[in-house]
Amino acid sequence: MKTTTSGYDVPPAKGSYTREPYYYPQTHSAWLTAFFIVRTVFMVLGPSAVSGIAVGATAVILTQADPTLHHSLITLVWGTAVVTSAVIVTGILLLGRQATREEGNVDS
């Protein structure tokens, strides 16, 4: 049910049965804004942290490991870093898509 003057949904009466929870527009938009900010920060920091760990591990491998193992260990470290970064970014993108789909902003 909508009010005629403001266009916002009328909150349900206490004790009444509703199928959907009621969200105040200001609170809900603030939650979505916070969600997108946090998602963007983790999308940048996640792969950056993984890359930093890989750079540090490469330095340790080159200074401490047996020279015959350098190629194998560096390939292992950087292969793991690439896969981990891809999983982080994909997971965050899918989570954001799910959040917008629940709002009805995405068709499909």
PDB file of N, CA and C in Angstrom:
ATOM      1  N   MET A   1       0.853  -1.163   0.000  1.00  0.00           N
ATOM      2  CA  MET A   1       0.000   0.000   0.000  1.00  0.00           C
ATOM      3  C   MET A   1       0.901   1.228   0.000  1.00  0.00           C
ATOM      4  N   LYS A   2       0.595   2.220  -0.802  1.00  0.00           N
ATOM      5  CA  LYS A   2       1.397   3.432  -0.896  1.00  0.00           C
ATOM      6  C   LYS A   2       0.586   4.621  -0.392  1.00  0.00           C
ATOM      7  N   THR A   3       1.298   5.533   0.227  1.00  0.00           N
ATOM      8  CA  THR A   3       0.623   6.768   0.608  1.00  0.00           C
ATOM      9  C   THR A   3       0.504   7.636  -0.628  1.00  0.00           C
ATOM     10  N   THR A   4      -0.485   8.478  -0.668  1.00  0.00           N
ATOM     11  CA  THR A   4      -0.706   9.288  -1.857  1.00  0.00           C
ATOM     12  C   THR A   4       0.198  10.512  -1.893  1.00  0.00           C
ATOM     13  N   THR A   5       0.691  10.961  -0.754  1.00  0.00           N
ATOM     14  CA  THR A   5       1.472  12.191  -0.748  1.00  0.00           C
ATOM     15  C   THR A   5       2.970  11.947  -0.937  1.00  0.00           C
ATOM     16  N   SER A   6       3.523  10.919  -0.330  1.00  0.00           N
ATOM     17  CA  SER A   6       4.980  10.745  -0.382  1.00  0.00           C
ATOM     18  C   SER A   6       5.425   9.683  -1.377  1.00  0.00           C
ATOM     19  N   GLY A   7       4.594   8.718  -1.685  1.00  0.00           N
ATOM     20  CA  GLY A   7       4.979   7.665  -2.608  1.00  0.00           C
ATOM     21  C   GLY A   7       5.725   6.517  -1.950  1.00  0.00           C
ATOM     22  N   TYR A   8       5.969   6.590  -0.656  1.00  0.00           N
ATOM     23  CA  TYR A   8       6.664   5.510   0.051  1.00  0.00           C
ATOM     24  C   TYR A   8       5.669   4.483   0.564  1.00  0.00           C
ATOM     25  N   ASP A   9       6.152   3.251   0.740  1.00  0.00           N
ATOM     26  CA  ASP A   9       5.298   2.217   1.300  1.00  0.00           C
ATOM     27  C   ASP A   9       4.927   2.565   2.736  1.00  0.00           C
ATOM     28  N   VAL A  10       3.717   2.213   3.094  1.00  0.00           N
ATOM     29  CA  VAL A  10       3.267   2.392   4.466  1.00  0.00           C
ATOM     30  C   VAL A  10       3.750   1.195   5.268  1.00  0.00           C
ATOM     31  N   PRO A  11       4.396   1.424   6.414  1.00  0.00           N
ATOM     32  CA  PRO A  11       4.836   0.277   7.204  1.00  0.00           C
ATOM     33  C   PRO A  11       3.643  -0.531   7.702  1.00  0.00           C
ATOM     34  N   PRO A  12       3.804  -1.851   7.787  1.00  0.00           N
ATOM     35  CA  PRO A  12       2.682  -2.667   8.240  1.00  0.00           C
ATOM     36  C   PRO A  12       2.378  -2.420   9.715  1.00  0.00           C
ATOM     37  N   ALA A  13       1.127  -2.656  10.082  1.00  0.00           N
ATOM     38  CA  ALA A  13       0.730  -2.509  11.473  1.00  0.00           C
ATOM     39  C   ALA A  13       1.388  -3.593  12.309  1.00  0.00           C
ATOM     40  N   LYS A  14       1.640  -3.309  13.568  1.00  0.00           N
ATOM     41  CA  LYS A  14       2.269  -4.310  14.432  1.00  0.00           C
ATOM     42  C   LYS A  14       1.352  -5.513  14.575  1.00  0.00           C
ATOM     43  N   GLY A  15       1.961  -6.670  14.465  1.00  0.00           N
ATOM     44  CA  GLY A  15       1.206  -7.897  14.617  1.00  0.00           C
ATOM     45  C   GLY A  15       0.548  -8.367  13.336  1.00  0.00           C
ATOM     46  N   SER A  16       0.669  -7.602  12.265  1.00  0.00           N
ATOM     47  CA  SER A  16       0.043  -8.045  11.022  1.00  0.00           C
ATOM     48  C   SER A  16       1.004  -8.939  10.251  1.00  0.00           C
ATOM     49  N   TYR A  17       0.451  -9.763   9.407  1.00  0.00           N
ATOM     50  CA  TYR A  17       1.246 -10.708   8.632  1.00  0.00           C
ATOM     51  C   TYR A  17       1.647 -10.056   7.306  1.00  0.00           C
ATOM     52  N   THR A  18       2.948 -10.105   6.994  1.00  0.00           N
ATOM     53  CA  THR A  18       3.416  -9.621   5.692  1.00  0.00           C
ATOM     54  C   THR A  18       4.368 -10.651   5.122  1.00  0.00           C
ATOM     55  N   ARG A  19       4.441 -10.706   3.804  1.00  0.00           N
ATOM     56  CA  ARG A  19       5.364 -11.640   3.150  1.00  0.00           C
ATOM     57  C   ARG A  19       6.775 -11.076   3.064  1.00  0.00           C
ATOM     58  N   GLU A  20       6.903  -9.784   2.838  1.00  0.00           N
ATOM     59  CA  GLU A  20       8.209  -9.173   2.683  1.00  0.00           C
ATOM     60  C   GLU A  20       8.503  -8.273   3.879  1.00  0.00           C
ATOM     61  N   PRO A  21       9.757  -8.231   4.296  1.00  0.00           N
ATOM     62  CA  PRO A  21      10.085  -7.287   5.370  1.00  0.00           C
ATOM     63  C   PRO A  21      10.012  -5.854   4.838  1.00  0.00           C
ATOM     64  N   TYR A  22       9.719  -4.931   5.700  1.00  0.00           N
ATOM     65  CA  TYR A  22       9.625  -3.534   5.310  1.00  0.00           C
ATOM     66  C   TYR A  22      10.971  -2.863   5.567  1.00  0.00           C
ATOM     67  N   TYR A  23      11.447  -2.134   4.591  1.00  0.00           N
ATOM     68  CA  TYR A  23      12.699  -1.391   4.735  1.00  0.00           C
ATOM     69  C   TYR A  23      12.405   0.087   4.529  1.00  0.00           C
ATOM     70  N   TYR A  24      12.919   0.903   5.406  1.00  0.00           N
ATOM     71  CA  TYR A  24      12.826   2.333   5.190  1.00  0.00           C
ATOM     72  C   TYR A  24      13.799   2.703   4.086  1.00  0.00           C
ATOM     73  N   PRO A  25      13.418   3.521   3.137  1.00  0.00           N
ATOM     74  CA  PRO A  25      14.277   3.811   1.991  1.00  0.00           C
ATOM     75  C   PRO A  25      15.640   4.391   2.376  1.00  0.00           C
ATOM     76  N   GLN A  26      15.693   5.272   3.369  1.00  0.00           N
ATOM     77  CA  GLN A  26      16.954   5.894   3.744  1.00  0.00           C
ATOM     78  C   GLN A  26      17.906   4.857   4.344  1.00  0.00           C
ATOM     79  N   THR A  27      17.406   3.997   5.193  1.00  0.00           N
ATOM     80  CA  THR A  27      18.228   2.985   5.833  1.00  0.00           C
ATOM     81  C   THR A  27      18.742   1.992   4.806  1.00  0.00           C
ATOM     82  N   HIS A  28      17.888   1.598   3.910  1.00  0.00           N
ATOM     83  CA  HIS A  28      18.271   0.601   2.918  1.00  0.00           C
ATOM     84  C   HIS A  28      19.299   1.159   1.938  1.00  0.00           C
ATOM     85  N   SER A  29      19.125   2.388   1.494  1.00  0.00           N
ATOM     86  CA  SER A  29      20.099   2.971   0.571  1.00  0.00           C
ATOM     87  C   SER A  29      21.434   3.194   1.268  1.00  0.00           C
ATOM     88  N   ALA A  30      21.422   3.513   2.538  1.00  0.00           N
ATOM     89  CA  ALA A  30      22.678   3.654   3.282  1.00  0.00           C
ATOM     90  C   ALA A  30      23.382   2.305   3.381  1.00  0.00           C
ATOM     91  N   TRP A  31      22.626   1.242   3.591  1.00  0.00           N
ATOM     92  CA  TRP A  31      23.227  -0.094   3.656  1.00  0.00           C
ATOM     93  C   TRP A  31      23.848  -0.458   2.313  1.00  0.00           C
ATOM     94  N   LEU A  32      23.148  -0.182   1.224  1.00  0.00           N
ATOM     95  CA  LEU A  32      23.682  -0.494  -0.103  1.00  0.00           C
ATOM     96  C   LEU A  32      24.940   0.309  -0.404  1.00  0.00           C
ATOM     97  N   THR A  33      24.966   1.566  -0.009  1.00  0.00           N
ATOM     98  CA  THR A  33      26.154   2.395  -0.225  1.00  0.00           C
ATOM     99  C   THR A  33      27.332   1.831   0.552  1.00  0.00           C
ATOM    100  N   ALA A  34      27.116   1.468   1.798  1.00  0.00           N
ATOM    101  CA  ALA A  34      28.191   0.874   2.605  1.00  0.00           C
ATOM    102  C   ALA A  34      28.666  -0.437   2.000  1.00  0.00           C
ATOM    103  N   PHE A  35      27.736  -1.232   1.514  1.00  0.00           N
ATOM    104  CA  PHE A  35      28.100  -2.516   0.898  1.00  0.00           C
ATOM    105  C   PHE A  35      29.004  -2.305  -0.307  1.00  0.00           C
ATOM    106  N   PHE A  36      28.653  -1.352  -1.162  1.00  0.00           N
ATOM    107  CA  PHE A  36      29.454  -1.119  -2.370  1.00  0.00           C
ATOM    108  C   PHE A  36      30.819  -0.522  -2.041  1.00  0.00           C
ATOM    109  N   ILE A  37      30.911   0.299  -0.998  1.00  0.00           N
ATOM    110  CA  ILE A  37      32.207   0.831  -0.582  1.00  0.00           C
ATOM    111  C   ILE A  37      33.094  -0.285  -0.067  1.00  0.00           C
ATOM    112  N   VAL A  38      32.561  -1.132   0.798  1.00  0.00           N
ATOM    113  CA  VAL A  38      33.340  -2.247   1.340  1.00  0.00           C
ATOM    114  C   VAL A  38      33.741  -3.203   0.227  1.00  0.00           C
ATOM    115  N   ARG A  39      32.839  -3.473  -0.694  1.00  0.00           N
ATOM    116  CA  ARG A  39      33.155  -4.365  -1.807  1.00  0.00           C
ATOM    117  C   ARG A  39      34.299  -3.803  -2.653  1.00  0.00           C
ATOM    118  N   THR A  40      34.276  -2.524  -2.921  1.00  0.00           N
ATOM    119  CA  THR A  40      35.328  -1.901  -3.717  1.00  0.00           C
ATOM    120  C   THR A  40      36.666  -1.943  -2.995  1.00  0.00           C
ATOM    121  N   VAL A  41      36.661  -1.671  -1.693  1.00  0.00           N
ATOM    122  CA  VAL A  41      37.907  -1.710  -0.919  1.00  0.00           C
ATOM    123  C   VAL A  41      38.501  -3.110  -0.936  1.00  0.00           C
ATOM    124  N   PHE A  42      37.698  -4.126  -0.696  1.00  0.00           N
ATOM    125  CA  PHE A  42      38.220  -5.498  -0.694  1.00  0.00           C
ATOM    126  C   PHE A  42      38.629  -5.952  -2.088  1.00  0.00           C
ATOM    127  N   MET A  43      37.973  -5.416  -3.113  1.00  0.00           N
ATOM    128  CA  MET A  43      38.332  -5.784  -4.469  1.00  0.00           C
ATOM    129  C   MET A  43      39.717  -5.255  -4.829  1.00  0.00           C
ATOM    130  N   VAL A  44      40.108  -4.150  -4.217  1.00  0.00           N
ATOM    131  CA  VAL A  44      41.440  -3.595  -4.447  1.00  0.00           C
ATOM    132  C   VAL A  44      42.453  -4.212  -3.497  1.00  0.00           C
ATOM    133  N   LEU A  45      42.098  -4.296  -2.215  1.00  0.00           N
ATOM    134  CA  LEU A  45      43.060  -4.770  -1.217  1.00  0.00           C
ATOM    135  C   LEU A  45      43.315  -6.269  -1.276  1.00  0.00           C
ATOM    136  N   GLY A  46      42.323  -7.053  -1.655  1.00  0.00           N
ATOM    137  CA  GLY A  46      42.494  -8.507  -1.697  1.00  0.00           C
ATOM    138  C   GLY A  46      43.612  -8.934  -2.634  1.00  0.00           C
ATOM    139  N   PRO A  47      43.501  -8.619  -3.917  1.00  0.00           N
ATOM    140  CA  PRO A  47      44.579  -8.987  -4.840  1.00  0.00           C
ATOM    141  C   PRO A  47      45.899  -8.284  -4.527  1.00  0.00           C
ATOM    142  N   SER A  48      45.846  -7.057  -4.004  1.00  0.00           N
ATOM    143  CA  SER A  48      47.090  -6.358  -3.646  1.00  0.00           C
ATOM    144  C   SER A  48      47.814  -7.079  -2.514  1.00  0.00           C
ATOM    145  N   ALA A  49      47.072  -7.544  -1.537  1.00  0.00           N
ATOM    146  CA  ALA A  49      47.682  -8.287  -0.428  1.00  0.00           C
ATOM    147  C   ALA A  49      48.278  -9.602  -0.912  1.00  0.00           C
ATOM    148  N   VAL A  50      47.555 -10.293  -1.778  1.00  0.00           N
ATOM    149  CA  VAL A  50      48.063 -11.557  -2.321  1.00  0.00           C
ATOM    150  C   VAL A  50      49.339 -11.308  -3.122  1.00  0.00           C
ATOM    151  N   SER A  51      49.358 -10.246  -3.907  1.00  0.00           N
ATOM    152  CA  SER A  51      50.561  -9.917  -4.685  1.00  0.00           C
ATOM    153  C   SER A  51      51.729  -9.563  -3.775  1.00  0.00           C
ATOM    154  N   GLY A  52      51.463  -8.836  -2.710  1.00  0.00           N
ATOM    155  CA  GLY A  52      52.520  -8.498  -1.752  1.00  0.00           C
ATOM    156  C   GLY A  52      53.111  -9.725  -1.096  1.00  0.00           C
ATOM    157  N   ILE A  53      52.260 -10.665  -0.749  1.00  0.00           N
ATOM    158  CA  ILE A  53      52.747 -11.920  -0.158  1.00  0.00           C
ATOM    159  C   ILE A  53      53.586 -12.685  -1.166  1.00  0.00           C
ATOM    160  N   ALA A  54      53.162 -12.692  -2.429  1.00  0.00           N
ATOM    161  CA  ALA A  54      53.915 -13.395  -3.466  1.00  0.00           C
ATOM    162  C   ALA A  54      55.279 -12.746  -3.702  1.00  0.00           C
ATOM    163  N   VAL A  55      55.336 -11.418  -3.670  1.00  0.00           N
ATOM    164  CA  VAL A  55      56.612 -10.718  -3.830  1.00  0.00           C
ATOM    165  C   VAL A  55      57.547 -11.066  -2.671  1.00  0.00           C
ATOM    166  N   GLY A  56      57.016 -11.058  -1.455  1.00  0.00           N
ATOM    167  CA  GLY A  56      57.829 -11.426  -0.289  1.00  0.00           C
ATOM    168  C   GLY A  56      58.310 -12.861  -0.354  1.00  0.00           C
ATOM    169  N   ALA A  57      57.429 -13.758  -0.760  1.00  0.00           N
ATOM    170  CA  ALA A  57      57.819 -15.163  -0.874  1.00  0.00           C
ATOM    171  C   ALA A  57      58.878 -15.354  -1.957  1.00  0.00           C
ATOM    172  N   THR A  58      58.775 -14.590  -3.045  1.00  0.00           N
ATOM    173  CA  THR A  58      59.777 -14.670  -4.105  1.00  0.00           C
ATOM    174  C   THR A  58      61.143 -14.222  -3.585  1.00  0.00           C
ATOM    175  N   ALA A  59      61.160 -13.157  -2.810  1.00  0.00           N
ATOM    176  CA  ALA A  59      62.426 -12.686  -2.241  1.00  0.00           C
ATOM    177  C   ALA A  59      63.040 -13.736  -1.322  1.00  0.00           C
ATOM    178  N   VAL A  60      62.223 -14.372  -0.511  1.00  0.00           N
ATOM    179  CA  VAL A  60      62.724 -15.417   0.387  1.00  0.00           C
ATOM    180  C   VAL A  60      63.238 -16.603  -0.420  1.00  0.00           C
ATOM    181  N   ILE A  61      62.522 -16.996  -1.451  1.00  0.00           N
ATOM    182  CA  ILE A  61      62.941 -18.130  -2.289  1.00  0.00           C
ATOM    183  C   ILE A  61      64.284 -17.832  -2.955  1.00  0.00           C
ATOM    184  N   LEU A  62      64.431 -16.626  -3.522  1.00  0.00           N
ATOM    185  CA  LEU A  62      65.659 -16.294  -4.231  1.00  0.00           C
ATOM    186  C   LEU A  62      66.868 -16.176  -3.308  1.00  0.00           C
ATOM    187  N   THR A  63      66.630 -15.816  -2.043  1.00  0.00           N
ATOM    188  CA  THR A  63      67.766 -15.663  -1.124  1.00  0.00           C
ATOM    189  C   THR A  63      68.040 -16.908  -0.295  1.00  0.00           C
ATOM    190  N   GLN A  64      67.046 -17.718  -0.024  1.00  0.00           N
ATOM    191  CA  GLN A  64      67.221 -18.825   0.918  1.00  0.00           C
ATOM    192  C   GLN A  64      67.179 -20.222   0.288  1.00  0.00           C
ATOM    193  N   ALA A  65      66.461 -20.389  -0.805  1.00  0.00           N
ATOM    194  CA  ALA A  65      66.253 -21.738  -1.351  1.00  0.00           C
ATOM    195  C   ALA A  65      67.434 -22.171  -2.224  1.00  0.00           C
ATOM    196  N   ASP A  66      67.515 -23.455  -2.417  1.00  0.00           N
ATOM    197  CA  ASP A  66      68.511 -24.038  -3.313  1.00  0.00           C
ATOM    198  C   ASP A  66      68.254 -23.533  -4.741  1.00  0.00           C
ATOM    199  N   PRO A  67      69.294 -23.082  -5.453  1.00  0.00           N
ATOM    200  CA  PRO A  67      69.095 -22.529  -6.796  1.00  0.00           C
ATOM    201  C   PRO A  67      68.420 -23.487  -7.781  1.00  0.00           C
ATOM    202  N   THR A  68      68.519 -24.780  -7.564  1.00  0.00           N
ATOM    203  CA  THR A  68      67.862 -25.718  -8.479  1.00  0.00           C
ATOM    204  C   THR A  68      66.343 -25.723  -8.292  1.00  0.00           C
ATOM    205  N   LEU A  69      65.850 -25.208  -7.177  1.00  0.00           N
ATOM    206  CA  LEU A  69      64.408 -25.186  -6.895  1.00  0.00           C
ATOM    207  C   LEU A  69      63.755 -23.841  -7.192  1.00  0.00           C
ATOM    208  N   HIS A  70      64.535 -22.822  -7.566  1.00  0.00           N
ATOM    209  CA  HIS A  70      63.984 -21.478  -7.761  1.00  0.00           C
ATOM    210  C   HIS A  70      62.816 -21.470  -8.747  1.00  0.00           C
ATOM    211  N   HIS A  71      63.018 -22.036  -9.910  1.00  0.00           N
ATOM    212  CA  HIS A  71      61.971 -21.983 -10.940  1.00  0.00           C
ATOM    213  C   HIS A  71      60.680 -22.663 -10.468  1.00  0.00           C
ATOM    214  N   SER A  72      60.802 -23.829  -9.875  1.00  0.00           N
ATOM    215  CA  SER A  72      59.610 -24.573  -9.421  1.00  0.00           C
ATOM    216  C   SER A  72      58.878 -23.833  -8.317  1.00  0.00           C
ATOM    217  N   LEU A  73      59.622 -23.323  -7.354  1.00  0.00           N
ATOM    218  CA  LEU A  73      58.975 -22.649  -6.224  1.00  0.00           C
ATOM    219  C   LEU A  73      58.341 -21.321  -6.631  1.00  0.00           C
ATOM    220  N   ILE A  74      59.015 -20.566  -7.481  1.00  0.00           N
ATOM    221  CA  ILE A  74      58.448 -19.292  -7.928  1.00  0.00           C
ATOM    222  C   ILE A  74      57.197 -19.530  -8.777  1.00  0.00           C
ATOM    223  N   THR A  75      57.237 -20.556  -9.610  1.00  0.00           N
ATOM    224  CA  THR A  75      56.045 -20.899 -10.396  1.00  0.00           C
ATOM    225  C   THR A  75      54.884 -21.279  -9.480  1.00  0.00           C
ATOM    226  N   LEU A  76      55.166 -22.034  -8.438  1.00  0.00           N
ATOM    227  CA  LEU A  76      54.131 -22.426  -7.477  1.00  0.00           C
ATOM    228  C   LEU A  76      53.559 -21.206  -6.759  1.00  0.00           C
ATOM    229  N   VAL A  77      54.428 -20.326  -6.282  1.00  0.00           N
ATOM    230  CA  VAL A  77      53.976 -19.148  -5.529  1.00  0.00           C
ATOM    231  C   VAL A  77      53.126 -18.237  -6.406  1.00  0.00           C
ATOM    232  N   TRP A  78      53.605 -17.904  -7.608  1.00  0.00           N
ATOM    233  CA  TRP A  78      52.876 -16.965  -8.452  1.00  0.00           C
ATOM    234  C   TRP A  78      51.633 -17.596  -9.079  1.00  0.00           C
ATOM    235  N   GLY A  79      51.661 -18.874  -9.352  1.00  0.00           N
ATOM    236  CA  GLY A  79      50.454 -19.548  -9.836  1.00  0.00           C
ATOM    237  C   GLY A  79      49.358 -19.520  -8.787  1.00  0.00           C
ATOM    238  N   THR A  80      49.743 -19.782  -7.542  1.00  0.00           N
ATOM    239  CA  THR A  80      48.781 -19.723  -6.438  1.00  0.00           C
ATOM    240  C   THR A  80      48.265 -18.301  -6.250  1.00  0.00           C
ATOM    241  N   ALA A  81      49.135 -17.305  -6.382  1.00  0.00           N
ATOM    242  CA  ALA A  81      48.724 -15.908  -6.212  1.00  0.00           C
ATOM    243  C   ALA A  81      47.712 -15.498  -7.276  1.00  0.00           C
ATOM    244  N   VAL A  82      47.942 -15.898  -8.510  1.00  0.00           N
ATOM    245  CA  VAL A  82      47.020 -15.539  -9.595  1.00  0.00           C
ATOM    246  C   VAL A  82      45.660 -16.190  -9.382  1.00  0.00           C
ATOM    247  N   VAL A  83      45.654 -17.468  -9.042  1.00  0.00           N
ATOM    248  CA  VAL A  83      44.382 -18.174  -8.827  1.00  0.00           C
ATOM    249  C   VAL A  83      43.632 -17.576  -7.628  1.00  0.00           C
ATOM    250  N   THR A  84      44.353 -17.298  -6.556  1.00  0.00           N
ATOM    251  CA  THR A  84      43.717 -16.726  -5.367  1.00  0.00           C
ATOM    252  C   THR A  84      43.124 -15.354  -5.670  1.00  0.00           C
ATOM    253  N   SER A  85      43.858 -14.519  -6.379  1.00  0.00           N
ATOM    254  CA  SER A  85      43.334 -13.192  -6.742  1.00  0.00           C
ATOM    255  C   SER A  85      42.089 -13.311  -7.619  1.00  0.00           C
ATOM    256  N   ALA A  86      42.105 -14.227  -8.565  1.00  0.00           N
ATOM    257  CA  ALA A  86      40.945 -14.426  -9.437  1.00  0.00           C
ATOM    258  C   ALA A  86      39.730 -14.893  -8.642  1.00  0.00           C
ATOM    259  N   VAL A  87      39.935 -15.766  -7.683  1.00  0.00           N
ATOM    260  CA  VAL A  87      38.823 -16.258  -6.854  1.00  0.00           C
ATOM    261  C   VAL A  87      38.263 -15.130  -5.992  1.00  0.00           C
ATOM    262  N   ILE A  88      39.133 -14.289  -5.426  1.00  0.00           N
ATOM    263  CA  ILE A  88      38.678 -13.172  -4.599  1.00  0.00           C
ATOM    264  C   ILE A  88      37.824 -12.213  -5.427  1.00  0.00           C
ATOM    265  N   VAL A  89      38.326 -11.803  -6.577  1.00  0.00           N
ATOM    266  CA  VAL A  89      37.604 -10.840  -7.412  1.00  0.00           C
ATOM    267  C   VAL A  89      36.293 -11.431  -7.915  1.00  0.00           C
ATOM    268  N   THR A  90      36.314 -12.682  -8.363  1.00  0.00           N
ATOM    269  CA  THR A  90      35.091 -13.325  -8.850  1.00  0.00           C
ATOM    270  C   THR A  90      34.053 -13.444  -7.738  1.00  0.00           C
ATOM    271  N   GLY A  91      34.474 -13.845  -6.563  1.00  0.00           N
ATOM    272  CA  GLY A  91      33.545 -13.959  -5.436  1.00  0.00           C
ATOM    273  C   GLY A  91      32.920 -12.628  -5.062  1.00  0.00           C
ATOM    274  N   ILE A  92      33.724 -11.571  -5.053  1.00  0.00           N
ATOM    275  CA  ILE A  92      33.196 -10.257  -4.708  1.00  0.00           C
ATOM    276  C   ILE A  92      32.229  -9.761  -5.777  1.00  0.00           C
ATOM    277  N   LEU A  93      32.567  -9.983  -7.047  1.00  0.00           N
ATOM    278  CA  LEU A  93      31.664  -9.564  -8.119  1.00  0.00           C
ATOM    279  C   LEU A  93      30.339 -10.317  -8.069  1.00  0.00           C
ATOM    280  N   LEU A  94      30.394 -11.612  -7.809  1.00  0.00           N
ATOM    281  CA  LEU A  94      29.158 -12.398  -7.724  1.00  0.00           C
ATOM    282  C   LEU A  94      28.328 -11.988  -6.520  1.00  0.00           C
ATOM    283  N   LEU A  95      28.980 -11.664  -5.417  1.00  0.00           N
ATOM    284  CA  LEU A  95      28.260 -11.209  -4.230  1.00  0.00           C
ATOM    285  C   LEU A  95      27.553  -9.890  -4.512  1.00  0.00           C
ATOM    286  N   GLY A  96      28.233  -8.987  -5.192  1.00  0.00           N
ATOM    287  CA  GLY A  96      27.608  -7.708  -5.550  1.00  0.00           C
ATOM    288  C   GLY A  96      26.458  -7.884  -6.516  1.00  0.00           C
ATOM    289  N   ARG A  97      26.605  -8.801  -7.452  1.00  0.00           N
ATOM    290  CA  ARG A  97      25.521  -9.058  -8.403  1.00  0.00           C
ATOM    291  C   ARG A  97      24.301  -9.631  -7.693  1.00  0.00           C
ATOM    292  N   GLN A  98      24.541 -10.502  -6.711  1.00  0.00           N
ATOM    293  CA  GLN A  98      23.432 -11.077  -5.951  1.00  0.00           C
ATOM    294  C   GLN A  98      22.718  -9.992  -5.150  1.00  0.00           C
ATOM    295  N   ALA A  99      23.474  -9.067  -4.561  1.00  0.00           N
ATOM    296  CA  ALA A  99      22.865  -7.994  -3.776  1.00  0.00           C
ATOM    297  C   ALA A  99      22.002  -7.096  -4.653  1.00  0.00           C
ATOM    298  N   THR A 100      22.466  -6.780  -5.855  1.00  0.00           N
ATOM    299  CA  THR A 100      21.654  -5.927  -6.725  1.00  0.00           C
ATOM    300  C   THR A 100      20.479  -6.689  -7.300  1.00  0.00           C
ATOM    301  N   ARG A 101      20.620  -7.990  -7.534  1.00  0.00           N
ATOM    302  CA  ARG A 101      19.510  -8.782  -8.046  1.00  0.00           C
ATOM    303  C   ARG A 101      18.387  -8.857  -7.015  1.00  0.00           C
ATOM    304  N   GLU A 102      18.753  -8.958  -5.730  1.00  0.00           N
ATOM    305  CA  GLU A 102      17.723  -9.013  -4.687  1.00  0.00           C
ATOM    306  C   GLU A 102      16.932  -7.717  -4.626  1.00  0.00           C
ATOM    307  N   GLU A 103      17.536  -6.630  -5.094  1.00  0.00           N
ATOM    308  CA  GLU A 103      16.848  -5.350  -5.083  1.00  0.00           C
ATOM    309  C   GLU A 103      15.972  -5.160  -6.310  1.00  0.00           C
ATOM    310  N   GLY A 104      16.093  -6.071  -7.287  1.00  0.00           N
ATOM    311  CA  GLY A 104      15.299  -5.945  -8.490  1.00  0.00           C
ATOM    312  C   GLY A 104      15.946  -5.031  -9.517  1.00  0.00           C
ATOM    313  N   ASN A 105      17.216  -4.663  -9.305  1.00  0.00           N
ATOM    314  CA  ASN A 105      17.903  -3.781 -10.241  1.00  0.00           C
ATOM    315  C   ASN A 105      18.461  -4.527 -11.448  1.00  0.00           C
ATOM    316  N   VAL A 106      18.603  -5.849 -11.356  1.00  0.00           N
ATOM    317  CA  VAL A 106      19.176  -6.624 -12.445  1.00  0.00           C
ATOM    318  C   VAL A 106      18.114  -7.584 -12.943  1.00  0.00           C
ATOM    319  N   ASP A 107      17.868  -7.568 -14.241  1.00  0.00           N
ATOM    320  CA  ASP A 107      16.907  -8.511 -14.823  1.00  0.00           C
ATOM    321  C   ASP A 107      17.623  -9.800 -15.164  1.00  0.00           C
ATOM    322  N   SER A 108      17.104 -10.913 -14.775  1.00  0.00           N
ATOM    323  CA  SER A 108      17.564 -12.262 -15.069  1.00  0.00           C
ATOM    324  C   SER A 108      17.838 -13.030 -13.822  1.00  0.00           C
TER     325      SER A 108
END
